[in-house]
Amino acid sequence: MKEESPVPSPVILGIDDLRPLPWTTRIARSSGEGVKLLEEHHDSFIDELWLDHDLGGDDSILPVVTLLEEAAFNGRPFRIGTVYVHSANPIGAETVVRSLTRWNYEVRRATV
């Protein structure tokens, strides 16, 4: 009898300075940590990516958005099922949604 391969666990990444996001498999608390986290997963499929716009102090999600945009511009977009933007900042959240949608990422506005 052939042994079946286990179904891989979904990869759910979060970038948020405060929220616990317990359903994520890994979480970054700053844009710098978020960039590193995504770079570690560039060659694999990310089922979900949860993004908060404001990351404390002067930090925001924009360096992460720039990384995603540049990857798509260079023909190597990140393979992400859905990007969820869950920011309490409506203008910042809309900027992220518009920017990533422009590069054909599947993006949804969410509440946490």
N, C-alpha and C. Protein backbone atom coordinates (compact mmCIF):
# COMPACT_ATOMS: atom_id res chain seq x y z
N MET A 1 0.83 -1.16 0.00
CA MET A 1 0.00 0.00 0.00
C MET A 1 0.89 1.24 0.00
N LYS A 2 0.57 2.19 -0.89
CA LYS A 2 1.36 3.41 -1.02
C LYS A 2 0.93 4.42 0.04
N GLU A 3 1.94 4.98 0.72
CA GLU A 3 1.67 5.97 1.75
C GLU A 3 1.41 7.32 1.09
N GLU A 4 0.33 7.98 1.50
CA GLU A 4 -0.01 9.28 0.92
C GLU A 4 0.82 10.38 1.55
N SER A 5 1.18 11.36 0.74
CA SER A 5 1.92 12.51 1.24
C SER A 5 0.97 13.36 2.07
N PRO A 6 1.46 13.90 3.18
CA PRO A 6 0.59 14.77 3.98
C PRO A 6 0.29 16.05 3.21
N VAL A 7 -0.90 16.58 3.44
CA VAL A 7 -1.29 17.83 2.81
C VAL A 7 -0.49 18.94 3.50
N PRO A 8 0.20 19.78 2.71
CA PRO A 8 0.98 20.84 3.35
C PRO A 8 0.08 21.84 4.05
N SER A 9 0.56 22.35 5.16
CA SER A 9 -0.18 23.38 5.89
C SER A 9 -0.17 24.66 5.08
N PRO A 10 -1.26 25.42 5.14
CA PRO A 10 -1.27 26.69 4.41
C PRO A 10 -0.24 27.65 5.00
N VAL A 11 0.32 28.49 4.14
CA VAL A 11 1.25 29.53 4.57
C VAL A 11 0.45 30.83 4.65
N ILE A 12 0.28 31.32 5.87
CA ILE A 12 -0.48 32.54 6.10
C ILE A 12 0.42 33.50 6.86
N LEU A 13 0.82 34.58 6.19
CA LEU A 13 1.74 35.55 6.77
C LEU A 13 1.00 36.82 7.15
N GLY A 14 1.44 37.44 8.22
CA GLY A 14 0.84 38.69 8.67
C GLY A 14 1.91 39.73 8.95
N ILE A 15 1.60 40.98 8.64
CA ILE A 15 2.48 42.09 8.98
C ILE A 15 1.61 43.13 9.68
N ASP A 16 1.80 43.23 10.99
CA ASP A 16 0.98 44.10 11.83
C ASP A 16 1.75 44.37 13.12
N ASP A 17 1.78 45.62 13.55
CA ASP A 17 2.55 45.96 14.74
C ASP A 17 1.89 45.56 16.04
N LEU A 18 0.57 45.45 16.08
CA LEU A 18 -0.12 45.22 17.35
C LEU A 18 -1.01 43.99 17.42
N ARG A 19 -1.79 43.75 16.38
CA ARG A 19 -2.79 42.68 16.44
C ARG A 19 -2.12 41.31 16.54
N PRO A 20 -2.72 40.38 17.28
CA PRO A 20 -2.11 39.05 17.42
C PRO A 20 -2.21 38.18 16.17
N LEU A 21 -3.25 38.34 15.35
CA LEU A 21 -3.45 37.53 14.13
C LEU A 21 -3.15 36.05 14.38
N PRO A 22 -3.91 35.39 15.27
CA PRO A 22 -3.60 34.01 15.67
C PRO A 22 -3.70 32.98 14.55
N TRP A 23 -4.37 33.28 13.47
CA TRP A 23 -4.50 32.32 12.37
C TRP A 23 -3.29 32.31 11.44
N THR A 24 -2.37 33.27 11.62
CA THR A 24 -1.20 33.32 10.75
C THR A 24 -0.17 32.27 11.18
N THR A 25 0.62 31.82 10.21
CA THR A 25 1.69 30.88 10.53
C THR A 25 2.96 31.62 10.95
N ARG A 26 3.12 32.86 10.45
CA ARG A 26 4.25 33.72 10.86
C ARG A 26 3.79 35.16 10.81
N ILE A 27 4.37 35.98 11.70
CA ILE A 27 3.97 37.39 11.76
C ILE A 27 5.22 38.26 11.88
N ALA A 28 5.17 39.40 11.22
CA ALA A 28 6.22 40.41 11.32
C ALA A 28 5.61 41.65 11.96
N ARG A 29 6.39 42.36 12.76
CA ARG A 29 5.89 43.50 13.51
C ARG A 29 6.36 44.85 12.97
N SER A 30 7.13 44.87 11.90
CA SER A 30 7.60 46.11 11.29
C SER A 30 7.75 45.90 9.79
N SER A 31 7.91 46.99 9.06
CA SER A 31 8.09 46.84 7.61
C SER A 31 9.39 46.12 7.29
N GLY A 32 10.44 46.39 8.07
CA GLY A 32 11.72 45.70 7.84
C GLY A 32 11.60 44.20 8.03
N GLU A 33 10.93 43.80 9.13
CA GLU A 33 10.69 42.37 9.36
C GLU A 33 9.80 41.79 8.27
N GLY A 34 8.82 42.59 7.81
CA GLY A 34 7.92 42.13 6.76
C GLY A 34 8.64 41.87 5.45
N VAL A 35 9.55 42.77 5.09
CA VAL A 35 10.33 42.59 3.86
C VAL A 35 11.15 41.30 3.96
N LYS A 36 11.81 41.08 5.10
CA LYS A 36 12.61 39.86 5.29
C LYS A 36 11.73 38.62 5.21
N LEU A 37 10.57 38.68 5.85
CA LEU A 37 9.65 37.54 5.84
C LEU A 37 9.22 37.19 4.42
N LEU A 38 8.86 38.21 3.65
CA LEU A 38 8.45 37.94 2.26
C LEU A 38 9.61 37.44 1.43
N GLU A 39 10.79 38.00 1.61
CA GLU A 39 11.95 37.52 0.85
C GLU A 39 12.22 36.05 1.11
N GLU A 40 12.00 35.59 2.35
CA GLU A 40 12.16 34.17 2.69
C GLU A 40 11.16 33.29 1.94
N HIS A 41 10.03 33.86 1.55
CA HIS A 41 8.96 33.08 0.91
C HIS A 41 8.80 33.40 -0.58
N HIS A 42 9.76 34.09 -1.18
CA HIS A 42 9.59 34.50 -2.58
C HIS A 42 9.42 33.32 -3.52
N ASP A 43 10.07 32.22 -3.23
CA ASP A 43 10.01 31.08 -4.15
C ASP A 43 8.97 30.04 -3.75
N SER A 44 8.10 30.39 -2.82
CA SER A 44 7.04 29.46 -2.43
C SER A 44 5.68 30.16 -2.52
N PHE A 45 4.63 29.37 -2.44
CA PHE A 45 3.28 29.92 -2.52
C PHE A 45 2.83 30.38 -1.14
N ILE A 46 2.30 31.58 -1.08
CA ILE A 46 1.75 32.15 0.14
C ILE A 46 0.23 32.13 -0.01
N ASP A 47 -0.45 31.37 0.82
CA ASP A 47 -1.91 31.27 0.70
C ASP A 47 -2.59 32.60 1.00
N GLU A 48 -2.17 33.23 2.10
CA GLU A 48 -2.76 34.51 2.49
C GLU A 48 -1.66 35.42 3.04
N LEU A 49 -1.80 36.71 2.74
CA LEU A 49 -0.91 37.73 3.30
C LEU A 49 -1.79 38.81 3.89
N TRP A 50 -1.64 39.06 5.20
CA TRP A 50 -2.44 40.05 5.92
C TRP A 50 -1.58 41.27 6.18
N LEU A 51 -2.04 42.44 5.74
CA LEU A 51 -1.26 43.67 5.85
C LEU A 51 -2.00 44.75 6.62
N ASP A 52 -1.32 45.35 7.57
CA ASP A 52 -1.80 46.55 8.25
C ASP A 52 -1.01 47.72 7.66
N HIS A 53 -1.64 48.87 7.47
CA HIS A 53 -0.93 50.01 6.89
C HIS A 53 0.01 50.68 7.88
N ASP A 54 -0.50 51.06 9.04
CA ASP A 54 0.31 51.78 10.03
C ASP A 54 0.98 50.79 10.97
N LEU A 55 2.32 50.87 11.04
CA LEU A 55 3.07 49.89 11.82
C LEU A 55 3.78 50.50 13.01
N GLY A 56 3.26 51.59 13.52
CA GLY A 56 3.84 52.21 14.71
C GLY A 56 4.85 53.29 14.37
N GLY A 57 4.76 54.40 15.06
CA GLY A 57 5.68 55.52 14.80
C GLY A 57 5.57 55.97 13.36
N ASP A 58 6.71 56.14 12.72
CA ASP A 58 6.74 56.57 11.32
C ASP A 58 6.72 55.38 10.35
N ASP A 59 6.67 54.17 10.86
CA ASP A 59 6.73 52.97 10.01
C ASP A 59 5.37 52.70 9.38
N SER A 60 5.39 52.25 8.15
CA SER A 60 4.16 51.86 7.45
C SER A 60 4.46 50.64 6.58
N ILE A 61 3.42 50.12 5.96
CA ILE A 61 3.54 48.94 5.12
C ILE A 61 4.14 49.26 3.75
N LEU A 62 4.38 50.53 3.45
CA LEU A 62 4.80 50.91 2.10
C LEU A 62 6.10 50.25 1.62
N PRO A 63 7.13 50.01 2.45
CA PRO A 63 8.28 49.26 1.94
C PRO A 63 7.92 47.84 1.48
N VAL A 64 6.96 47.22 2.15
CA VAL A 64 6.50 45.88 1.75
C VAL A 64 5.75 45.97 0.42
N VAL A 65 4.89 46.98 0.29
CA VAL A 65 4.15 47.19 -0.96
C VAL A 65 5.13 47.43 -2.11
N THR A 66 6.16 48.22 -1.85
CA THR A 66 7.17 48.49 -2.88
C THR A 66 7.86 47.19 -3.30
N LEU A 67 8.20 46.33 -2.35
CA LEU A 67 8.81 45.04 -2.67
C LEU A 67 7.90 44.21 -3.57
N LEU A 68 6.61 44.15 -3.24
CA LEU A 68 5.66 43.39 -4.05
C LEU A 68 5.51 43.99 -5.45
N GLU A 69 5.46 45.31 -5.53
CA GLU A 69 5.34 45.98 -6.83
C GLU A 69 6.58 45.75 -7.69
N GLU A 70 7.76 45.90 -7.10
CA GLU A 70 9.00 45.71 -7.86
C GLU A 70 9.13 44.28 -8.36
N ALA A 71 8.73 43.32 -7.55
CA ALA A 71 8.78 41.92 -7.98
C ALA A 71 7.88 41.71 -9.20
N ALA A 72 6.69 42.28 -9.16
CA ALA A 72 5.77 42.14 -10.30
C ALA A 72 6.33 42.87 -11.52
N PHE A 73 6.87 44.07 -11.33
CA PHE A 73 7.44 44.85 -12.43
C PHE A 73 8.57 44.07 -13.11
N ASN A 74 9.36 43.35 -12.31
CA ASN A 74 10.49 42.58 -12.84
C ASN A 74 10.10 41.20 -13.37
N GLY A 75 8.80 40.93 -13.42
CA GLY A 75 8.33 39.66 -13.99
C GLY A 75 8.41 38.49 -13.03
N ARG A 76 8.66 38.74 -11.75
CA ARG A 76 8.72 37.68 -10.75
C ARG A 76 7.82 38.01 -9.56
N PRO A 77 6.52 38.18 -9.83
CA PRO A 77 5.63 38.54 -8.71
C PRO A 77 5.60 37.43 -7.67
N PHE A 78 5.33 37.84 -6.45
CA PHE A 78 5.13 36.86 -5.40
C PHE A 78 3.87 36.07 -5.71
N ARG A 79 3.90 34.77 -5.43
CA ARG A 79 2.73 33.93 -5.65
C ARG A 79 1.91 33.92 -4.37
N ILE A 80 0.84 34.72 -4.39
CA ILE A 80 0.01 34.89 -3.20
C ILE A 80 -1.44 34.63 -3.59
N GLY A 81 -2.10 33.78 -2.81
CA GLY A 81 -3.52 33.53 -3.07
C GLY A 81 -4.33 34.80 -2.92
N THR A 82 -4.34 35.37 -1.73
CA THR A 82 -5.09 36.60 -1.46
C THR A 82 -4.32 37.47 -0.48
N VAL A 83 -4.26 38.75 -0.78
CA VAL A 83 -3.72 39.75 0.14
C VAL A 83 -4.90 40.41 0.83
N TYR A 84 -4.91 40.40 2.15
CA TYR A 84 -5.96 41.05 2.94
C TYR A 84 -5.38 42.31 3.57
N VAL A 85 -6.02 43.44 3.35
CA VAL A 85 -5.59 44.70 3.96
C VAL A 85 -6.58 45.01 5.07
N HIS A 86 -6.08 45.06 6.31
CA HIS A 86 -6.96 45.18 7.47
C HIS A 86 -6.66 46.41 8.31
N SER A 87 -6.27 47.48 7.70
CA SER A 87 -5.87 48.68 8.42
C SER A 87 -7.07 49.51 8.89
N ALA A 88 -6.89 50.17 10.03
CA ALA A 88 -7.90 51.13 10.51
C ALA A 88 -7.74 52.48 9.82
N ASN A 89 -6.72 52.61 9.00
CA ASN A 89 -6.45 53.84 8.26
C ASN A 89 -7.08 53.70 6.87
N PRO A 90 -8.27 54.27 6.64
CA PRO A 90 -8.96 54.03 5.37
C PRO A 90 -8.21 54.54 4.14
N ILE A 91 -7.55 55.68 4.24
CA ILE A 91 -6.81 56.21 3.09
C ILE A 91 -5.58 55.35 2.81
N GLY A 92 -4.85 54.99 3.87
CA GLY A 92 -3.69 54.12 3.70
C GLY A 92 -4.07 52.77 3.14
N ALA A 93 -5.16 52.20 3.66
CA ALA A 93 -5.62 50.89 3.19
C ALA A 93 -5.99 50.96 1.71
N GLU A 94 -6.69 52.00 1.31
CA GLU A 94 -7.09 52.13 -0.10
C GLU A 94 -5.87 52.28 -1.00
N THR A 95 -4.85 52.98 -0.53
CA THR A 95 -3.61 53.11 -1.30
C THR A 95 -2.98 51.74 -1.54
N VAL A 96 -2.94 50.91 -0.51
CA VAL A 96 -2.36 49.57 -0.63
C VAL A 96 -3.19 48.73 -1.59
N VAL A 97 -4.51 48.76 -1.43
CA VAL A 97 -5.39 47.98 -2.32
C VAL A 97 -5.19 48.38 -3.77
N ARG A 98 -5.21 49.68 -4.04
CA ARG A 98 -5.03 50.16 -5.42
C ARG A 98 -3.67 49.78 -5.99
N SER A 99 -2.63 49.97 -5.20
CA SER A 99 -1.27 49.69 -5.66
C SER A 99 -1.10 48.22 -6.03
N LEU A 100 -1.54 47.33 -5.16
CA LEU A 100 -1.33 45.90 -5.42
C LEU A 100 -2.28 45.36 -6.47
N THR A 101 -3.51 45.88 -6.53
CA THR A 101 -4.45 45.46 -7.57
C THR A 101 -3.90 45.80 -8.94
N ARG A 102 -3.26 46.95 -9.03
CA ARG A 102 -2.66 47.39 -10.30
C ARG A 102 -1.66 46.35 -10.84
N TRP A 103 -0.99 45.62 -9.93
CA TRP A 103 -0.01 44.62 -10.33
C TRP A 103 -0.59 43.21 -10.32
N ASN A 104 -1.90 43.11 -10.36
CA ASN A 104 -2.62 41.83 -10.50
C ASN A 104 -2.54 40.91 -9.29
N TYR A 105 -2.26 41.47 -8.13
CA TYR A 105 -2.40 40.67 -6.92
C TYR A 105 -3.88 40.66 -6.56
N GLU A 106 -4.36 39.55 -6.03
CA GLU A 106 -5.74 39.45 -5.55
C GLU A 106 -5.79 40.10 -4.18
N VAL A 107 -6.49 41.23 -4.08
CA VAL A 107 -6.48 42.01 -2.84
C VAL A 107 -7.90 42.22 -2.36
N ARG A 108 -8.10 42.09 -1.05
CA ARG A 108 -9.40 42.34 -0.44
C ARG A 108 -9.23 43.20 0.80
N ARG A 109 -10.17 44.06 1.02
CA ARG A 109 -10.23 44.87 2.25
C ARG A 109 -10.88 44.00 3.30
N ALA A 110 -10.31 43.94 4.49
CA ALA A 110 -10.83 43.08 5.55
C ALA A 110 -10.85 43.82 6.87
N THR A 111 -11.63 43.31 7.81
CA THR A 111 -11.62 43.83 9.16
C THR A 111 -11.14 42.72 10.08
N VAL A 112 -10.45 43.12 11.12
CA VAL A 112 -9.92 42.14 12.08
C VAL A 112 -10.50 42.44 13.44
